[in-house]
PDB file of all heavy atoms in Angstrom:
ATOM      1  N   CYS A   1      58.436  86.063  37.899  1.00  0.00           N
ATOM      2  CA  CYS A   1      58.263  87.514  37.761  1.00  0.00           C
ATOM      3  C   CYS A   1      58.725  87.965  36.374  1.00  0.00           C
ATOM      4  O   CYS A   1      58.065  88.777  35.728  1.00  0.00           O
ATOM      5  CB  CYS A   1      59.049  88.264  38.834  1.00  0.00           C
ATOM      6  SG  CYS A   1      58.285  88.170  40.458  1.00  0.00           S
ATOM      7  N   CYS A   2      59.861  87.436  35.923  1.00  0.00           N
ATOM      8  CA  CYS A   2      60.370  87.790  34.589  1.00  0.00           C
ATOM      9  C   CYS A   2      59.394  87.320  33.509  1.00  0.00           C
ATOM     10  O   CYS A   2      59.161  88.016  32.521  1.00  0.00           O
ATOM     11  CB  CYS A   2      61.750  87.178  34.359  1.00  0.00           C
ATOM     12  SG  CYS A   2      63.008  87.979  35.355  1.00  0.00           S
ATOM     13  N   THR A   3      58.804  86.136  33.726  1.00  0.00           N
ATOM     14  CA  THR A   3      57.811  85.626  32.778  1.00  0.00           C
ATOM     15  C   THR A   3      56.566  86.516  32.798  1.00  0.00           C
ATOM     16  O   THR A   3      55.985  86.801  31.749  1.00  0.00           O
ATOM     17  CB  THR A   3      57.444  84.167  33.112  1.00  0.00           C
ATOM     18  OG1 THR A   3      58.628  83.374  32.986  1.00  0.00           O
ATOM     19  CG2 THR A   3      56.371  83.621  32.195  1.00  0.00           C
ATOM     20  N   PHE A   4      56.182  86.972  33.995  1.00  0.00           N
ATOM     21  CA  PHE A   4      55.029  87.876  34.115  1.00  0.00           C
ATOM     22  C   PHE A   4      55.289  89.149  33.297  1.00  0.00           C
ATOM     23  O   PHE A   4      54.429  89.615  32.555  1.00  0.00           O
ATOM     24  CB  PHE A   4      54.772  88.208  35.589  1.00  0.00           C
ATOM     25  CG  PHE A   4      53.730  89.278  35.816  1.00  0.00           C
ATOM     26  CD1 PHE A   4      52.458  89.166  35.258  1.00  0.00           C
ATOM     27  CD2 PHE A   4      54.021  90.398  36.588  1.00  0.00           C
ATOM     28  CE1 PHE A   4      51.496  90.157  35.474  1.00  0.00           C
ATOM     29  CE2 PHE A   4      53.066  91.382  36.806  1.00  0.00           C
ATOM     30  CZ  PHE A   4      51.797  91.267  36.248  1.00  0.00           C
ATOM     31  N   GLN A   5      56.518  89.688  33.409  1.00  0.00           N
ATOM     32  CA  GLN A   5      56.860  90.892  32.638  1.00  0.00           C
ATOM     33  C   GLN A   5      56.715  90.606  31.139  1.00  0.00           C
ATOM     34  O   GLN A   5      56.171  91.419  30.395  1.00  0.00           O
ATOM     35  CB  GLN A   5      58.292  91.316  32.936  1.00  0.00           C
ATOM     36  CG  GLN A   5      58.463  91.933  34.314  1.00  0.00           C
ATOM     37  CD  GLN A   5      59.860  92.507  34.462  1.00  0.00           C
ATOM     38  OE1 GLN A   5      60.858  91.788  34.443  1.00  0.00           O
ATOM     39  NE2 GLN A   5      59.945  93.810  34.603  1.00  0.00           N
ATOM     40  N   HIS A   6      57.231  89.460  30.705  1.00  0.00           N
ATOM     41  CA  HIS A   6      57.185  89.092  29.291  1.00  0.00           C
ATOM     42  C   HIS A   6      55.725  88.925  28.850  1.00  0.00           C
ATOM     43  O   HIS A   6      55.325  89.388  27.775  1.00  0.00           O
ATOM     44  CB  HIS A   6      57.979  87.794  29.086  1.00  0.00           C
ATOM     45  CG  HIS A   6      58.166  87.415  27.651  1.00  0.00           C
ATOM     46  ND1 HIS A   6      58.971  86.370  27.262  1.00  0.00           N
ATOM     47  CD2 HIS A   6      57.629  87.921  26.510  1.00  0.00           C
ATOM     48  CE1 HIS A   6      58.927  86.268  25.925  1.00  0.00           C
ATOM     49  NE2 HIS A   6      58.109  87.186  25.461  1.00  0.00           N
ATOM     50  N   TRP A   7      54.924  88.295  29.699  1.00  0.00           N
ATOM     51  CA  TRP A   7      53.517  88.051  29.391  1.00  0.00           C
ATOM     52  C   TRP A   7      52.760  89.372  29.200  1.00  0.00           C
ATOM     53  O   TRP A   7      52.015  89.545  28.238  1.00  0.00           O
ATOM     54  CB  TRP A   7      52.907  87.214  30.528  1.00  0.00           C
ATOM     55  CG  TRP A   7      51.470  86.855  30.316  1.00  0.00           C
ATOM     56  CD1 TRP A   7      50.974  85.790  29.622  1.00  0.00           C
ATOM     57  CD2 TRP A   7      50.332  87.570  30.814  1.00  0.00           C
ATOM     58  NE1 TRP A   7      49.604  85.799  29.658  1.00  0.00           N
ATOM     59  CE2 TRP A   7      49.174  86.879  30.381  1.00  0.00           C
ATOM     60  CE3 TRP A   7      50.179  88.730  31.582  1.00  0.00           C
ATOM     61  CZ2 TRP A   7      47.882  87.307  30.690  1.00  0.00           C
ATOM     62  CZ3 TRP A   7      48.895  89.152  31.886  1.00  0.00           C
ATOM     63  CH2 TRP A   7      47.763  88.451  31.453  1.00  0.00           C
ATOM     64  N   VAL A   8      52.978  90.314  30.132  1.00  0.00           N
ATOM     65  CA  VAL A   8      52.305  91.621  30.043  1.00  0.00           C
ATOM     66  C   VAL A   8      52.781  92.361  28.789  1.00  0.00           C
ATOM     67  O   VAL A   8      51.981  92.947  28.055  1.00  0.00           O
ATOM     68  CB  VAL A   8      52.574  92.484  31.303  1.00  0.00           C
ATOM     69  CG1 VAL A   8      52.116  93.919  31.097  1.00  0.00           C
ATOM     70  CG2 VAL A   8      51.882  91.879  32.519  1.00  0.00           C
ATOM     71  N   TYR A   9      54.083  92.294  28.535  1.00  0.00           N
ATOM     72  CA  TYR A   9      54.661  92.949  27.363  1.00  0.00           C
ATOM     73  C   TYR A   9      53.979  92.427  26.090  1.00  0.00           C
ATOM     74  O   TYR A   9      53.596  93.197  25.220  1.00  0.00           O
ATOM     75  CB  TYR A   9      56.170  92.675  27.336  1.00  0.00           C
ATOM     76  CG  TYR A   9      56.876  93.179  26.102  1.00  0.00           C
ATOM     77  CD1 TYR A   9      57.370  94.479  26.041  1.00  0.00           C
ATOM     78  CD2 TYR A   9      57.045  92.357  24.979  1.00  0.00           C
ATOM     79  CE1 TYR A   9      58.014  94.950  24.901  1.00  0.00           C
ATOM     80  CE2 TYR A   9      57.682  92.825  23.838  1.00  0.00           C
ATOM     81  CZ  TYR A   9      58.162  94.124  23.807  1.00  0.00           C
ATOM     82  OH  TYR A   9      58.784  94.579  22.670  1.00  0.00           O
ATOM     83  N   GLU A  10      53.823  91.098  26.013  1.00  0.00           N
ATOM     84  CA  GLU A  10      53.202  90.506  24.818  1.00  0.00           C
ATOM     85  C   GLU A  10      51.711  90.831  24.751  1.00  0.00           C
ATOM     86  O   GLU A  10      51.196  91.182  23.697  1.00  0.00           O
ATOM     87  CB  GLU A  10      53.428  88.984  24.812  1.00  0.00           C
ATOM     88  CG  GLU A  10      53.197  88.362  23.452  1.00  0.00           C
ATOM     89  CD  GLU A  10      53.650  86.902  23.362  1.00  0.00           C
ATOM     90  OE1 GLU A  10      54.873  86.651  23.310  1.00  0.00           O
ATOM     91  OE2 GLU A  10      52.772  86.029  23.346  1.00  0.00           O
ATOM     92  N   LYS A  11      51.020  90.745  25.889  1.00  0.00           N
ATOM     93  CA  LYS A  11      49.567  91.022  25.955  1.00  0.00           C
ATOM     94  C   LYS A  11      49.250  92.442  25.489  1.00  0.00           C
ATOM     95  O   LYS A  11      48.198  92.699  24.936  1.00  0.00           O
ATOM     96  CB  LYS A  11      49.070  90.885  27.406  1.00  0.00           C
ATOM     97  CG  LYS A  11      48.569  89.506  27.748  1.00  0.00           C
ATOM     98  CD  LYS A  11      47.102  89.332  27.373  1.00  0.00           C
ATOM     99  CE  LYS A  11      46.582  87.947  27.551  1.00  0.00           C
ATOM    100  NZ  LYS A  11      46.984  86.972  26.543  1.00  0.00           N
ATOM    101  N   THR A  12      50.144  93.378  25.794  1.00  0.00           N
ATOM    102  CA  THR A  12      49.880  94.787  25.479  1.00  0.00           C
ATOM    103  C   THR A  12      50.640  95.222  24.222  1.00  0.00           C
ATOM    104  O   THR A  12      50.830  96.413  23.993  1.00  0.00           O
ATOM    105  CB  THR A  12      50.289  95.684  26.669  1.00  0.00           C
ATOM    106  OG1 THR A  12      51.695  95.533  26.900  1.00  0.00           O
ATOM    107  CG2 THR A  12      49.528  95.347  27.929  1.00  0.00           C
ATOM    108  N   ASN A  13      51.093  94.250  23.440  1.00  0.00           N
ATOM    109  CA  ASN A  13      51.841  94.537  22.202  1.00  0.00           C
ATOM    110  C   ASN A  13      53.044  95.446  22.426  1.00  0.00           C
ATOM    111  O   ASN A  13      53.316  96.340  21.621  1.00  0.00           O
ATOM    112  CB  ASN A  13      50.917  95.171  21.150  1.00  0.00           C
ATOM    113  CG  ASN A  13      49.813  94.222  20.752  1.00  0.00           C
ATOM    114  OD1 ASN A  13      50.068  93.033  20.538  1.00  0.00           O
ATOM    115  ND2 ASN A  13      48.595  94.715  20.696  1.00  0.00           N
ATOM    116  N   GLY A  14      53.718  95.237  23.553  1.00  0.00           N
ATOM    117  CA  GLY A  14      54.935  95.999  23.823  1.00  0.00           C
ATOM    118  C   GLY A  14      54.683  97.432  24.277  1.00  0.00           C
ATOM    119  O   GLY A  14      55.586  98.254  24.312  1.00  0.00           O
ATOM    120  N   ASN A  15      53.429  97.732  24.649  1.00  0.00           N
ATOM    121  CA  ASN A  15      53.094  99.101  25.071  1.00  0.00           C
ATOM    122  C   ASN A  15      53.213  99.310  26.577  1.00  0.00           C
ATOM    123  O   ASN A  15      53.231 100.439  27.043  1.00  0.00           O
ATOM    124  CB  ASN A  15      51.655  99.436  24.661  1.00  0.00           C
ATOM    125  CG  ASN A  15      51.553  99.716  23.182  1.00  0.00           C
ATOM    126  OD1 ASN A  15      52.044 100.724  22.696  1.00  0.00           O
ATOM    127  ND2 ASN A  15      50.940  98.799  22.445  1.00  0.00           N
ATOM    128  N   LEU A  16      53.236  98.203  27.316  1.00  0.00           N
ATOM    129  CA  LEU A  16      53.220  98.343  28.780  1.00  0.00           C
ATOM    130  C   LEU A  16      54.098  97.264  29.402  1.00  0.00           C
ATOM    131  O   LEU A  16      54.160  96.148  28.903  1.00  0.00           O
ATOM    132  CB  LEU A  16      51.770  98.210  29.262  1.00  0.00           C
ATOM    133  CG  LEU A  16      51.497  98.405  30.754  1.00  0.00           C
ATOM    134  CD1 LEU A  16      50.147  99.101  30.938  1.00  0.00           C
ATOM    135  CD2 LEU A  16      51.475  97.091  31.509  1.00  0.00           C
ATOM    136  N   LEU A  17      54.789  97.644  30.472  1.00  0.00           N
ATOM    137  CA  LEU A  17      55.657  96.705  31.176  1.00  0.00           C
ATOM    138  C   LEU A  17      55.527  96.942  32.672  1.00  0.00           C
ATOM    139  O   LEU A  17      55.616  98.083  33.129  1.00  0.00           O
ATOM    140  CB  LEU A  17      57.113  96.942  30.749  1.00  0.00           C
ATOM    141  CG  LEU A  17      58.148  96.010  31.382  1.00  0.00           C
ATOM    142  CD1 LEU A  17      58.030  94.600  30.816  1.00  0.00           C
ATOM    143  CD2 LEU A  17      59.555  96.529  31.136  1.00  0.00           C
ATOM    144  N   VAL A  18      55.297  95.867  33.419  1.00  0.00           N
ATOM    145  CA  VAL A  18      55.290  95.997  34.885  1.00  0.00           C
ATOM    146  C   VAL A  18      56.741  95.865  35.332  1.00  0.00           C
ATOM    147  O   VAL A  18      57.435  94.923  34.955  1.00  0.00           O
ATOM    148  CB  VAL A  18      54.405  94.916  35.533  1.00  0.00           C
ATOM    149  CG1 VAL A  18      54.411  95.067  37.050  1.00  0.00           C
ATOM    150  CG2 VAL A  18      52.976  95.017  35.013  1.00  0.00           C
ATOM    151  N   THR A  19      57.219  96.846  36.092  1.00  0.00           N
ATOM    152  CA  THR A  19      58.623  96.866  36.489  1.00  0.00           C
ATOM    153  C   THR A  19      58.729  96.864  38.012  1.00  0.00           C
ATOM    154  O   THR A  19      57.708  96.892  38.701  1.00  0.00           O
ATOM    155  CB  THR A  19      59.324  98.140  35.955  1.00  0.00           C
ATOM    156  OG1 THR A  19      58.740  99.265  36.611  1.00  0.00           O
ATOM    157  CG2 THR A  19      59.158  98.287  34.468  1.00  0.00           C
ATOM    158  N   ASP A  20      59.956  96.859  38.498  1.00  0.00           N
ATOM    159  CA  ASP A  20      60.168  96.953  39.941  1.00  0.00           C
ATOM    160  C   ASP A  20      59.407  95.886  40.708  1.00  0.00           C
ATOM    161  O   ASP A  20      58.777  96.184  41.715  1.00  0.00           O
ATOM    162  CB  ASP A  20      59.696  98.332  40.427  1.00  0.00           C
ATOM    163  CG  ASP A  20      60.875  99.162  40.873  1.00  0.00           C
ATOM    164  OD1 ASP A  20      62.001  98.702  40.667  1.00  0.00           O
ATOM    165  OD2 ASP A  20      60.688 100.260  41.419  1.00  0.00           O
ATOM    166  N   LEU A  21      59.437  94.651  40.212  1.00  0.00           N
ATOM    167  CA  LEU A  21      58.726  93.581  40.917  1.00  0.00           C
ATOM    168  C   LEU A  21      59.543  93.194  42.137  1.00  0.00           C
ATOM    169  O   LEU A  21      60.697  92.789  42.019  1.00  0.00           O
ATOM    170  CB  LEU A  21      58.522  92.385  39.990  1.00  0.00           C
ATOM    171  CG  LEU A  21      57.603  92.667  38.796  1.00  0.00           C
ATOM    172  CD1 LEU A  21      57.658  91.525  37.806  1.00  0.00           C
ATOM    173  CD2 LEU A  21      56.175  92.903  39.241  1.00  0.00           C
ATOM    174  N   GLN A  22      58.958  93.360  43.297  1.00  0.00           N
ATOM    175  CA  GLN A  22      59.689  93.096  44.537  1.00  0.00           C
ATOM    176  C   GLN A  22      58.707  92.673  45.613  1.00  0.00           C
ATOM    177  O   GLN A  22      57.539  92.996  45.554  1.00  0.00           O
ATOM    178  CB  GLN A  22      60.439  94.359  44.961  1.00  0.00           C
ATOM    179  CG  GLN A  22      59.552  95.598  45.046  1.00  0.00           C
ATOM    180  CD  GLN A  22      60.365  96.865  45.114  1.00  0.00           C
ATOM    181  OE1 GLN A  22      61.407  96.905  45.755  1.00  0.00           O
ATOM    182  NE2 GLN A  22      59.903  97.913  44.466  1.00  0.00           N
ATOM    183  N   GLY A  23      59.227  91.929  46.566  1.00  0.00           N
ATOM    184  CA  GLY A  23      58.356  91.486  47.639  1.00  0.00           C
ATOM    185  C   GLY A  23      58.961  90.327  48.394  1.00  0.00           C
ATOM    186  O   GLY A  23      60.171  90.109  48.382  1.00  0.00           O
ATOM    187  N   VAL A  24      58.093  89.572  49.057  1.00  0.00           N
ATOM    188  CA  VAL A  24      58.527  88.435  49.857  1.00  0.00           C
ATOM    189  C   VAL A  24      57.920  87.190  49.220  1.00  0.00           C
ATOM    190  O   VAL A  24      56.699  87.083  49.111  1.00  0.00           O
ATOM    191  CB  VAL A  24      58.060  88.583  51.325  1.00  0.00           C
ATOM    192  CG1 VAL A  24      58.414  87.344  52.130  1.00  0.00           C
ATOM    193  CG2 VAL A  24      58.675  89.832  51.956  1.00  0.00           C
ATOM    194  N   GLY A  25      58.791  86.307  48.774  1.00  0.00           N
ATOM    195  CA  GLY A  25      58.291  85.106  48.093  1.00  0.00           C
ATOM    196  C   GLY A  25      57.472  85.487  46.874  1.00  0.00           C
ATOM    197  O   GLY A  25      57.917  86.253  46.041  1.00  0.00           O
ATOM    198  N   MET A  26      56.248  84.975  46.809  1.00  0.00           N
ATOM    199  CA  MET A  26      55.391  85.231  45.646  1.00  0.00           C
ATOM    200  C   MET A  26      54.477  86.436  45.857  1.00  0.00           C
ATOM    201  O   MET A  26      53.634  86.725  45.029  1.00  0.00           O
ATOM    202  CB  MET A  26      54.530  84.000  45.363  1.00  0.00           C
ATOM    203  CG  MET A  26      55.323  82.783  44.970  1.00  0.00           C
ATOM    204  SD  MET A  26      55.714  82.776  43.206  1.00  0.00           S
ATOM    205  CE  MET A  26      56.655  81.246  43.117  1.00  0.00           C
ATOM    206  N   LYS A  27      54.632  87.112  47.011  1.00  0.00           N
ATOM    207  CA  LYS A  27      53.771  88.280  47.262  1.00  0.00           C
ATOM    208  C   LYS A  27      54.554  89.545  46.949  1.00  0.00           C
ATOM    209  O   LYS A  27      55.604  89.804  47.546  1.00  0.00           O
ATOM    210  CB  LYS A  27      53.300  88.299  48.720  1.00  0.00           C
ATOM    211  CG  LYS A  27      52.230  87.265  48.963  1.00  0.00           C
ATOM    212  CD  LYS A  27      51.606  87.416  50.331  1.00  0.00           C
ATOM    213  CE  LYS A  27      50.439  86.453  50.486  1.00  0.00           C
ATOM    214  NZ  LYS A  27      49.214  87.117  50.878  1.00  0.00           N
ATOM    215  N   LEU A  28      54.046  90.315  46.001  1.00  0.00           N
ATOM    216  CA  LEU A  28      54.784  91.476  45.509  1.00  0.00           C
ATOM    217  C   LEU A  28      54.085  92.774  45.876  1.00  0.00           C
ATOM    218  O   LEU A  28      52.865  92.832  45.988  1.00  0.00           O
ATOM    219  CB  LEU A  28      54.903  91.399  43.981  1.00  0.00           C
ATOM    220  CG  LEU A  28      55.372  90.067  43.404  1.00  0.00           C
ATOM    221  CD1 LEU A  28      55.273  90.090  41.891  1.00  0.00           C
ATOM    222  CD2 LEU A  28      56.802  89.766  43.837  1.00  0.00           C
ATOM    223  N   THR A  29      54.888  93.827  46.012  1.00  0.00           N
ATOM    224  CA  THR A  29      54.327  95.149  46.285  1.00  0.00           C
ATOM    225  C   THR A  29      55.249  96.223  45.740  1.00  0.00           C
ATOM    226  O   THR A  29      56.369  95.941  45.330  1.00  0.00           O
ATOM    227  CB  THR A  29      54.126  95.354  47.804  1.00  0.00           C
ATOM    228  OG1 THR A  29      53.465  96.616  47.986  1.00  0.00           O
ATOM    229  CG2 THR A  29      55.447  95.367  48.568  1.00  0.00           C
ATOM    230  N   ASP A  30      54.760  97.463  45.771  1.00  0.00           N
ATOM    231  CA  ASP A  30      55.587  98.619  45.415  1.00  0.00           C
ATOM    232  C   ASP A  30      56.125  98.496  43.992  1.00  0.00           C
ATOM    233  O   ASP A  30      57.273  98.808  43.720  1.00  0.00           O
ATOM    234  CB  ASP A  30      56.760  98.707  46.413  1.00  0.00           C
ATOM    235  CG  ASP A  30      57.091 100.151  46.724  1.00  0.00           C
ATOM    236  OD1 ASP A  30      56.336 101.021  46.275  1.00  0.00           O
ATOM    237  OD2 ASP A  30      58.106 100.407  47.392  1.00  0.00           O
ATOM    238  N   VAL A  31      55.284  98.014  43.076  1.00  0.00           N
ATOM    239  CA  VAL A  31      55.723  97.806  41.701  1.00  0.00           C
ATOM    240  C   VAL A  31      55.573  99.096  40.901  1.00  0.00           C
ATOM    241  O   VAL A  31      54.957 100.053  41.368  1.00  0.00           O
ATOM    242  CB  VAL A  31      54.908  96.668  41.036  1.00  0.00           C
ATOM    243  CG1 VAL A  31      55.061  95.368  41.808  1.00  0.00           C
ATOM    244  CG2 VAL A  31      53.437  97.031  40.893  1.00  0.00           C
ATOM    245  N   GLY A  32      56.166  99.102  39.725  1.00  0.00           N
ATOM    246  CA  GLY A  32      56.040 100.249  38.831  1.00  0.00           C
ATOM    247  C   GLY A  32      55.485  99.780  37.503  1.00  0.00           C
ATOM    248  O   GLY A  32      55.435  98.584  37.223  1.00  0.00           O
ATOM    249  N   ILE A  33      55.075 100.731  36.684  1.00  0.00           N
ATOM    250  CA  ILE A  33      54.628 100.394  35.328  1.00  0.00           C
ATOM    251  C   ILE A  33      55.255 101.391  34.365  1.00  0.00           C
ATOM    252  O   ILE A  33      55.224 102.602  34.610  1.00  0.00           O
ATOM    253  CB  ILE A  33      53.085 100.431  35.196  1.00  0.00           C
ATOM    254  CG1 ILE A  33      52.447  99.277  35.994  1.00  0.00           C
ATOM    255  CG2 ILE A  33      52.656 100.335  33.727  1.00  0.00           C
ATOM    256  CD1 ILE A  33      50.924  99.211  35.911  1.00  0.00           C
ATOM    257  N   ALA A  34      55.822 100.864  33.302  1.00  0.00           N
ATOM    258  CA  ALA A  34      56.333 101.719  32.223  1.00  0.00           C
ATOM    259  C   ALA A  34      55.394 101.565  31.035  1.00  0.00           C
ATOM    260  O   ALA A  34      54.989 100.453  30.703  1.00  0.00           O
ATOM    261  CB  ALA A  34      57.743 101.283  31.834  1.00  0.00           C
ATOM    262  N   THR A  35      55.026 102.696  30.432  1.00  0.00           N
ATOM    263  CA  THR A  35      54.231 102.633  29.197  1.00  0.00           C
ATOM    264  C   THR A  35      54.962 103.465  28.158  1.00  0.00           C
ATOM    265  O   THR A  35      55.800 104.313  28.509  1.00  0.00           O
ATOM    266  CB  THR A  35      52.824 103.247  29.382  1.00  0.00           C
ATOM    267  OG1 THR A  35      52.962 104.561  29.929  1.00  0.00           O
ATOM    268  CG2 THR A  35      51.939 102.410  30.260  1.00  0.00           C
TER     269      THR A  35
END
């Protein structure tokens, strides 16, 4: 999940971050996005 955040951050040139990654195992829900 932390790597996913880093990947999105790099892909969007630091303009967007997926936050609040939560869920059961590898299935996530109720996430947030900061721009």
